[in-house]
């Protein structure tokens, strides 16, 4: 079981994750949606396509653009099973894709717990 934790809260956990480029992608259904807010931020990866971001909000603290996902990866090889999955930085996952407020990857990504 993989878990993404930020600010002491589990924000995602699943046995069905995909790791691509060192990021762990979680199924959308595994997210604790009460902690995520949509963001207007996007970015473009030449292989994966357009990423859309979400902000984590826990106990009054925002982790801006902490998690991302690709609705439609731009090339079949880039999909690698991540279509519709969420990644993040900062909580070490939600890829470790949930980014910490400092911009560093989270130290508390857990697998096999």
Protein backbone atom coordinates (compact mmCIF):
# COMPACT_ATOMS: atom_id res chain seq x y z
CA UNK A 1 0.00 0.00 0.00
CA UNK A 2 1.35 3.43 -0.96
CA UNK A 3 0.41 6.53 1.04
CA UNK A 4 0.85 10.25 0.45
CA UNK A 5 0.99 12.30 3.65
CA UNK A 6 1.17 16.06 4.08
CA UNK A 7 0.84 18.03 7.32
CA UNK A 8 0.26 14.78 9.19
CA UNK A 9 -2.77 13.79 7.10
CA UNK A 10 -3.06 10.95 4.63
CA UNK A 11 -4.10 12.64 1.37
CA UNK A 12 -4.05 9.50 -0.80
CA UNK A 13 -3.47 5.78 -0.39
CA UNK A 14 -3.75 2.88 -2.76
CA UNK A 15 -2.35 -0.51 -3.69
CA UNK A 16 -2.75 0.42 -7.37
CA UNK A 17 -0.16 3.12 -8.04
CA UNK A 18 2.05 3.67 -11.09
CA UNK A 19 5.62 5.01 -10.87
CA UNK A 20 6.89 7.10 -13.80
CA UNK A 21 10.06 9.22 -13.74
CA UNK A 22 10.35 8.71 -9.98
CA UNK A 23 6.84 10.01 -9.31
CA UNK A 24 4.15 7.80 -7.80
CA UNK A 25 0.75 8.31 -9.41
CA UNK A 26 -2.39 7.51 -7.43
CA UNK A 27 -5.84 6.65 -8.81
CA UNK A 28 -8.25 9.55 -8.46
CA UNK A 29 -10.58 7.39 -6.36
CA UNK A 30 -7.83 6.99 -3.75
CA UNK A 31 -7.60 10.74 -3.01
CA UNK A 32 -9.02 12.28 0.12
CA UNK A 33 -10.84 14.92 -1.95
CA UNK A 34 -11.58 17.14 1.03
CA UNK A 35 -7.89 18.17 1.04
CA UNK A 36 -7.60 19.07 -2.68
CA UNK A 37 -8.64 22.28 -4.47
CA UNK A 38 -8.40 22.93 -8.20
CA UNK A 39 -5.67 25.28 -9.42
CA UNK A 40 -5.49 27.29 -12.63
CA UNK A 41 -1.82 26.32 -13.07
CA UNK A 42 -0.82 24.17 -16.03
CA UNK A 43 2.51 23.08 -17.48
CA UNK A 44 3.59 21.26 -20.60
CA UNK A 45 5.81 18.19 -20.72
CA UNK A 46 6.96 17.29 -24.24
CA UNK A 47 6.23 13.59 -23.68
CA UNK A 48 3.36 13.56 -21.22
CA UNK A 49 1.42 16.58 -22.43
CA UNK A 50 -0.38 19.21 -20.41
CA UNK A 51 -0.34 18.82 -16.63
CA UNK A 52 -3.08 20.33 -14.51
CA UNK A 53 -2.47 21.08 -10.85
CA UNK A 54 -4.28 20.92 -7.53
CA UNK A 55 -3.53 22.66 -4.25
CA UNK A 56 -3.57 20.85 -0.92
CA UNK A 57 -5.36 22.62 1.95
CA UNK A 58 -4.96 21.17 5.44
CA UNK A 59 -5.53 22.91 8.78
CA UNK A 60 -5.51 26.34 7.13
CA UNK A 61 -2.21 25.77 5.29
CA UNK A 62 -2.06 25.78 1.50
CA UNK A 63 0.43 23.69 -0.47
CA UNK A 64 0.07 25.46 -3.82
CA UNK A 65 0.12 23.29 -6.93
CA UNK A 66 1.23 20.33 -4.83
CA UNK A 67 -0.30 17.65 -7.03
CA UNK A 68 -0.72 17.20 -10.78
CA UNK A 69 -2.34 14.96 -13.34
CA UNK A 70 -2.50 14.44 -17.10
CA UNK A 71 -5.99 14.07 -18.50
CA UNK A 72 -4.69 13.03 -21.90
CA UNK A 73 -0.99 12.18 -22.20
CA UNK A 74 0.23 13.47 -25.55
CA UNK A 75 2.00 10.33 -26.79
CA UNK A 76 1.02 6.70 -26.28
CA UNK A 77 4.44 5.79 -24.85
CA UNK A 78 4.15 8.64 -22.36
CA UNK A 79 0.84 7.39 -21.02
CA UNK A 80 2.43 4.42 -19.24
CA UNK A 81 -0.81 3.98 -17.34
CA UNK A 82 -0.91 7.49 -15.83
CA UNK A 83 -3.99 8.74 -17.71
CA UNK A 84 -6.34 10.17 -15.09
CA UNK A 85 -3.99 9.40 -12.17
CA UNK A 86 -2.74 12.08 -9.77
CA UNK A 87 0.85 12.68 -8.73
CA UNK A 88 2.35 15.17 -6.29
CA UNK A 89 5.37 16.65 -4.54
CA UNK A 90 5.89 17.52 -0.93
CA UNK A 91 3.97 14.73 0.64
CA UNK A 92 6.14 12.41 -1.26
CA UNK A 93 3.47 11.16 -3.40
CA UNK A 94 0.26 12.25 -4.98
CA UNK A 95 3.43 11.31 -7.40
CA UNK A 96 5.71 11.34 -5.17
CA UNK A 97 3.71 13.74 -6.62
CA UNK A 98 2.78 16.14 -3.87
CA UNK A 99 5.21 19.04 -3.41
CA UNK A 100 5.97 20.44 0.03
CA UNK A 101 5.51 24.09 0.79
CA UNK A 102 9.28 24.52 0.49
CA UNK A 103 9.17 23.02 -2.99
CA UNK A 104 11.06 19.90 -1.88
CA UNK A 105 9.74 16.40 -2.20
CA UNK A 106 8.05 15.10 0.84
CA UNK A 107 9.93 12.88 3.18
CA UNK A 108 6.88 10.95 4.27
CA UNK A 109 5.88 8.90 1.27
CA UNK A 110 5.12 5.42 2.50
CA UNK A 111 4.91 2.20 0.56
CA UNK A 112 3.94 -1.20 1.88
CA UNK A 113 2.34 0.06 5.06
